């Protein structure tokens, strides 16, 4: 009977623990002094730093004091970091996020429309296509800087990187479309094609 009670107590203790390397935002809400904003900051920190190396690292996050860490220490665990095995999933999800970003969709649609007009009307719109890509670069950098906090650089890096993804993606699309249109135009104008 004691053995069964010990097993049940062990299971209850495990159920009450929070693994900071693998917990979801909702699971982190079980911690004392942790609300939605702080749980998101914990996840961002974990993603940027390839998981936590110690429980004390929680105190490095803006808004989480050593007192909060101490009050939760009994239920905090440091599980095995699963991030390295999911690297391919993270990269593909990241690329998918870039493709489905509303700002990117707007700029890509505008670039595609300009490319279509360039082909249909015969007017040279390649300069405008590149300009739209460059404009997307500045918009992406601006978006990234909106979440930047110079007092909390570690937790602000993710916001900047999201903006830079937009910045580089729009420039790549703009230059690629303009280059493709130039090659098509040169091929049509070459003496061999006549």
Protein backbone atom coordinates (compact mmCIF):
# COMPACT_ATOMS: atom_id res chain seq x y z
CA UNK A 1 0.00 0.00 0.00
CA UNK A 2 2.86 2.41 0.84
CA UNK A 3 4.39 1.68 -2.54
CA UNK A 4 1.16 2.73 -4.33
CA UNK A 5 0.92 5.90 -2.23
CA UNK A 6 4.54 6.77 -3.09
CA UNK A 7 3.86 6.26 -6.78
CA UNK A 8 0.73 8.43 -6.62
CA UNK A 9 2.60 11.15 -4.74
CA UNK A 10 5.42 11.03 -7.31
CA UNK A 11 2.94 11.36 -10.17
CA UNK A 12 1.22 14.26 -8.39
CA UNK A 13 4.58 16.00 -7.90
CA UNK A 14 5.50 15.51 -11.57
CA UNK A 15 2.12 16.86 -12.68
CA UNK A 16 2.64 19.97 -10.54
CA UNK A 17 6.07 20.74 -11.98
CA UNK A 18 6.72 23.15 -14.84
CA UNK A 19 9.50 22.28 -17.27
CA UNK A 20 10.77 25.70 -18.41
CA UNK A 21 12.52 24.22 -21.45
CA UNK A 22 9.38 22.65 -22.90
CA UNK A 23 6.35 24.27 -21.23
CA UNK A 24 3.74 26.03 -23.34
CA UNK A 25 2.63 29.59 -22.58
CA UNK A 26 -0.47 28.24 -20.80
CA UNK A 27 1.60 25.86 -18.68
CA UNK A 28 3.88 28.72 -17.64
CA UNK A 29 0.81 30.57 -16.30
CA UNK A 30 0.77 28.04 -13.42
CA UNK A 31 3.81 29.81 -11.97
CA UNK A 32 3.34 32.42 -9.23
CA UNK A 33 3.81 35.96 -10.56
CA UNK A 34 3.75 34.90 -14.22
CA UNK A 35 1.02 36.30 -16.47
CA UNK A 36 0.53 36.13 -20.22
CA UNK A 37 3.15 38.77 -21.05
CA UNK A 38 5.84 37.18 -18.87
CA UNK A 39 5.05 33.70 -20.18
CA UNK A 40 5.58 34.98 -23.74
CA UNK A 41 8.87 36.57 -22.67
CA UNK A 42 9.99 33.23 -21.19
CA UNK A 43 9.25 31.47 -24.47
CA UNK A 44 11.03 34.17 -26.52
CA UNK A 45 14.08 33.97 -24.26
CA UNK A 46 14.07 30.17 -24.51
CA UNK A 47 13.89 30.29 -28.32
CA UNK A 48 16.64 32.89 -28.65
CA UNK A 49 19.01 31.17 -26.23
CA UNK A 50 18.45 27.55 -27.31
CA UNK A 51 16.70 26.70 -24.03
CA UNK A 52 17.57 27.38 -20.40
CA UNK A 53 20.82 26.08 -18.94
CA UNK A 54 19.71 26.77 -15.35
CA UNK A 55 16.55 27.76 -13.51
CA UNK A 56 18.29 30.94 -12.30
CA UNK A 57 18.40 32.15 -15.92
CA UNK A 58 14.71 33.08 -15.57
CA UNK A 59 15.86 36.15 -13.61
CA UNK A 60 17.58 37.42 -16.80
CA UNK A 61 14.14 38.09 -18.32
CA UNK A 62 12.72 41.59 -17.98
CA UNK A 63 9.99 41.61 -15.30
CA UNK A 64 10.99 38.33 -13.66
CA UNK A 65 12.83 38.95 -10.43
CA UNK A 66 14.93 36.58 -8.37
CA UNK A 67 12.08 36.65 -5.84
CA UNK A 68 9.65 35.23 -8.44
CA UNK A 69 12.21 32.54 -9.35
CA UNK A 70 12.68 31.65 -5.66
CA UNK A 71 8.94 31.43 -4.99
CA UNK A 72 8.56 28.96 -7.89
CA UNK A 73 11.80 26.99 -7.46
CA UNK A 74 10.04 24.00 -5.86
CA UNK A 75 7.95 23.32 -8.97
CA UNK A 76 10.42 24.37 -11.67
CA UNK A 77 12.27 21.73 -13.63
CA UNK A 78 14.87 21.94 -16.35
CA UNK A 79 13.91 19.33 -18.92
CA UNK A 80 15.87 18.17 -21.93
CA UNK A 81 15.91 20.81 -24.61
CA UNK A 82 13.99 19.53 -27.66
CA UNK A 83 14.84 22.48 -29.91
CA UNK A 84 17.87 20.98 -31.66
CA UNK A 85 15.92 17.99 -32.98
CA UNK A 86 13.23 20.18 -34.49
CA UNK A 87 15.60 22.47 -36.42
CA UNK A 88 14.14 21.57 -39.84
CA UNK A 89 10.61 22.17 -38.57
CA UNK A 90 11.64 25.56 -37.17
CA UNK A 91 13.26 26.60 -40.46
CA UNK A 92 10.26 25.55 -42.56
CA UNK A 93 7.82 27.18 -40.14
CA UNK A 94 9.93 30.33 -40.20
CA UNK A 95 9.91 30.42 -44.02
CA UNK A 96 6.17 29.76 -44.03
CA UNK A 97 5.71 32.64 -41.58
CA UNK A 98 7.63 34.93 -43.96
CA UNK A 99 5.49 33.87 -46.93
CA UNK A 100 2.22 34.32 -45.04
CA UNK A 101 3.14 37.62 -43.38
CA UNK A 102 0.47 40.19 -44.42
CA UNK A 103 3.06 42.90 -45.11
CA UNK A 104 5.00 40.56 -47.39
CA UNK A 105 1.83 39.49 -49.20
CA UNK A 106 0.94 43.13 -49.95
CA UNK A 107 4.41 43.95 -51.28
CA UNK A 108 4.65 40.74 -53.34
CA UNK A 109 1.20 41.35 -54.87
CA UNK A 110 2.20 44.90 -55.79
CA UNK A 111 5.47 43.65 -57.33
CA UNK A 112 3.64 40.93 -59.29
CA UNK A 113 1.08 43.46 -60.58
CA UNK A 114 3.88 45.78 -61.72
CA UNK A 115 5.61 42.83 -63.39
CA UNK A 116 2.40 41.90 -65.20
CA UNK A 117 1.91 45.51 -66.34
CA UNK A 118 5.54 45.64 -67.52
CA UNK A 119 4.92 42.61 -69.74
CA UNK A 120 1.46 43.56 -71.00
CA UNK A 121 2.00 47.25 -71.70
CA UNK A 122 5.62 47.07 -72.85
CA UNK A 123 6.50 49.93 -70.49
CA UNK A 124 9.70 49.53 -68.53
CA UNK A 125 8.57 49.23 -64.88
CA UNK A 126 11.62 47.36 -63.56
CA UNK A 127 12.89 50.43 -61.69
CA UNK A 128 9.54 50.76 -59.93
CA UNK A 129 9.56 47.05 -59.08
CA UNK A 130 12.98 47.38 -57.43
CA UNK A 131 11.79 50.55 -55.65
CA UNK A 132 8.81 48.68 -54.18
CA UNK A 133 11.19 45.95 -52.95
CA UNK A 134 13.44 48.56 -51.35
CA UNK A 135 10.40 50.27 -49.80
CA UNK A 136 9.51 46.89 -48.30
CA UNK A 137 13.01 46.76 -46.85
CA UNK A 138 12.51 50.06 -45.04
CA UNK A 139 9.02 49.05 -43.88
CA UNK A 140 10.40 45.76 -42.51
CA UNK A 141 13.19 47.52 -40.64
CA UNK A 142 10.68 50.05 -39.27
CA UNK A 143 8.39 47.22 -38.09
CA UNK A 144 11.32 45.47 -36.41
CA UNK A 145 12.40 48.61 -34.59
CA UNK A 146 8.92 49.19 -33.13
CA UNK A 147 9.42 46.35 -30.65
CA UNK A 148 13.04 47.21 -29.86
CA UNK A 149 13.80 48.11 -26.26
CA UNK A 150 17.40 49.32 -25.73
CA UNK A 151 17.11 48.45 -22.04
CA UNK A 152 16.22 44.82 -22.86
CA UNK A 153 18.26 44.00 -25.95
CA UNK A 154 18.19 40.21 -25.44
CA UNK A 155 14.39 40.02 -25.50
CA UNK A 156 14.12 42.62 -28.29
CA UNK A 157 16.25 40.76 -30.83
CA UNK A 158 13.37 38.53 -31.93
CA UNK A 159 11.22 41.56 -32.88
CA UNK A 160 14.05 43.01 -34.96
CA UNK A 161 14.63 39.70 -36.73
CA UNK A 162 10.95 39.42 -37.68
CA UNK A 163 11.15 42.86 -39.28
CA UNK A 164 14.39 41.99 -41.07
CA UNK A 165 12.75 38.90 -42.58
CA UNK A 166 10.20 41.20 -44.21
CA UNK A 167 12.91 43.61 -45.24
CA UNK A 168 15.08 41.09 -47.02
CA UNK A 169 12.19 39.08 -48.47
CA UNK A 170 10.62 42.08 -50.26
CA UNK A 171 13.99 43.14 -51.67
CA UNK A 172 14.72 39.62 -52.91
CA UNK A 173 11.32 39.35 -54.61
CA UNK A 174 11.60 42.83 -56.18
CA UNK A 175 15.10 42.24 -57.55
CA UNK A 176 14.25 38.72 -58.73
CA UNK A 177 11.17 39.87 -60.65
CA UNK A 178 13.03 42.82 -62.19
CA UNK A 179 15.96 40.61 -63.22
CA UNK A 180 13.65 37.99 -64.71
CA UNK A 181 11.79 40.65 -66.71
CA UNK A 182 15.11 42.06 -67.97
CA UNK A 183 16.24 38.63 -69.15
CA UNK A 184 12.90 38.02 -70.90
CA UNK A 185 13.09 41.43 -72.56
CA UNK A 186 16.68 40.81 -73.75
CA UNK A 187 15.74 37.39 -75.13
CA UNK A 188 12.81 38.86 -77.06
CA UNK A 189 15.01 41.64 -78.47
CA UNK A 190 17.93 39.41 -79.51
CA UNK A 191 18.51 39.04 -83.28
CA UNK A 192 18.31 35.23 -83.05
CA UNK A 193 14.69 35.38 -81.87
CA UNK A 194 13.61 37.37 -84.96
